[in-house]
Amino acid sequence: MQSNSTFEALTDPGNGQGAVTNTQDQAQGYLTKAEVAIRLRKTIRTIDSWMARGILPYFKIGHSVSFDWEDCQRHLAEHFRVSSFGCNTGRNGAAQ
């Protein structure tokens, strides 16, 4: 079992200790499917499903799949929203 600090090291992309990847991809800002799954806290199978449904943009060259993290964040922000479940708002967003 991994310690909590190991989990934080894997999930925090800014700490310089992230999951091991191809250094060329990492230098260009590209991530592997496993790294995207860790950052989004989803399974690799969910990432596969989202790729097939067009939810996540990706690059495929041969058998290799890479993601541009900024493109993924931008695409999710533009096409999906945070649910307001539990909020008591009216049509114009004003509290009722």
Protein backbone atom coordinates (compact mmCIF):
# COMPACT_ATOMS: atom_id res chain seq x y z
CA MET A 1 0.00 0.00 0.00
CA GLN A 2 1.31 3.45 -0.93
CA SER A 3 1.61 6.17 1.64
CA ASN A 4 -0.51 9.31 1.37
CA SER A 5 2.55 11.38 0.39
CA THR A 6 3.21 9.00 -2.54
CA PHE A 7 -0.38 9.46 -3.72
CA GLU A 8 -0.01 13.24 -3.47
CA ALA A 9 3.23 13.10 -5.44
CA LEU A 10 1.50 11.18 -8.23
CA THR A 11 -1.57 13.41 -8.37
CA ASP A 12 0.11 16.81 -8.02
CA PRO A 13 1.44 17.70 -11.47
CA GLY A 14 3.29 20.76 -10.19
CA ASN A 15 5.56 19.08 -7.68
CA GLY A 16 8.08 17.69 -10.16
CA GLN A 17 7.67 14.15 -8.84
CA GLY A 18 4.73 13.07 -10.99
CA ALA A 19 4.23 9.67 -12.55
CA VAL A 20 7.04 8.50 -14.82
CA THR A 21 6.43 9.26 -18.50
CA ASN A 22 8.25 9.54 -21.76
CA THR A 23 10.54 12.53 -21.22
CA GLN A 24 10.01 13.80 -24.77
CA ASP A 25 6.22 13.84 -24.29
CA GLN A 26 6.61 15.45 -20.88
CA ALA A 27 8.87 18.18 -22.27
CA GLN A 28 6.21 19.09 -24.84
CA GLY A 29 3.42 19.07 -22.25
CA TYR A 30 1.84 15.79 -23.34
CA LEU A 31 0.52 13.21 -20.91
CA THR A 32 -0.15 9.50 -21.08
CA LYS A 33 -3.60 8.02 -20.60
CA ALA A 34 -2.62 6.86 -17.10
CA GLU A 35 -1.51 10.37 -16.11
CA VAL A 36 -4.77 11.90 -17.36
CA ALA A 37 -6.69 9.27 -15.38
CA ILE A 38 -4.74 10.17 -12.23
CA ARG A 39 -5.27 13.92 -12.70
CA LEU A 40 -9.01 13.49 -13.30
CA ARG A 41 -9.29 10.81 -10.59
CA LYS A 42 -10.92 8.38 -13.04
CA THR A 43 -10.05 4.90 -14.25
CA ILE A 44 -8.22 4.25 -17.49
CA ARG A 45 -11.36 2.53 -18.73
CA THR A 46 -13.33 5.75 -18.15
CA ILE A 47 -10.67 7.70 -20.08
CA ASP A 48 -11.03 5.18 -22.95
CA SER A 49 -14.79 5.69 -22.93
CA TRP A 50 -14.46 9.47 -22.89
CA MET A 51 -12.01 9.31 -25.80
CA ALA A 52 -14.47 7.21 -27.83
CA ARG A 53 -17.33 9.62 -27.02
CA GLY A 54 -15.27 12.71 -27.87
CA ILE A 55 -15.26 14.04 -24.32
CA LEU A 56 -11.45 14.28 -24.18
CA PRO A 57 -9.27 15.49 -27.06
CA TYR A 58 -6.20 13.36 -27.75
CA PHE A 59 -3.47 12.65 -30.29
CA LYS A 60 -2.91 9.17 -31.67
CA ILE A 61 0.24 8.34 -33.59
CA GLY A 62 0.50 4.65 -34.36
CA HIS A 63 -0.36 2.81 -31.15
CA SER A 64 0.62 5.72 -28.91
CA VAL A 65 -1.98 8.02 -27.36
CA SER A 66 -1.04 11.40 -25.86
CA PHE A 67 -3.03 14.20 -24.29
CA ASP A 68 -2.31 17.92 -24.09
CA TRP A 69 -3.44 18.76 -20.54
CA GLU A 70 -4.31 22.37 -21.42
CA ASP A 71 -6.48 21.17 -24.34
CA CYS A 72 -8.25 18.69 -22.07
CA GLN A 73 -8.96 21.34 -19.44
CA ARG A 74 -10.15 23.85 -22.04
CA HIS A 75 -12.40 21.30 -23.77
CA LEU A 76 -14.00 20.17 -20.50
CA ALA A 77 -14.57 23.79 -19.39
CA GLU A 78 -16.15 24.77 -22.73
CA HIS A 79 -18.40 21.74 -23.19
CA PHE A 80 -19.33 20.66 -19.67
CA ARG A 81 -20.38 22.48 -16.54
CA VAL A 82 -20.23 21.94 -12.83
CA SER A 83 -23.58 20.73 -11.59
CA SER A 84 -25.54 23.05 -9.37
CA PHE A 85 -27.15 20.10 -7.61
CA GLY A 86 -28.45 21.17 -4.25
CA CYS A 87 -28.42 24.87 -5.08
CA ASN A 88 -31.65 26.75 -4.76
CA THR A 89 -31.44 29.06 -7.77
CA GLY A 90 -34.04 30.35 -10.15
CA ARG A 91 -33.86 30.73 -13.92
CA ASN A 92 -31.59 33.79 -13.78
CA GLY A 93 -29.28 32.24 -11.20
CA ALA A 94 -30.76 34.31 -8.36
CA ALA A 95 -31.40 32.57 -5.06
CA GLN A 96 -35.01 31.78 -4.39
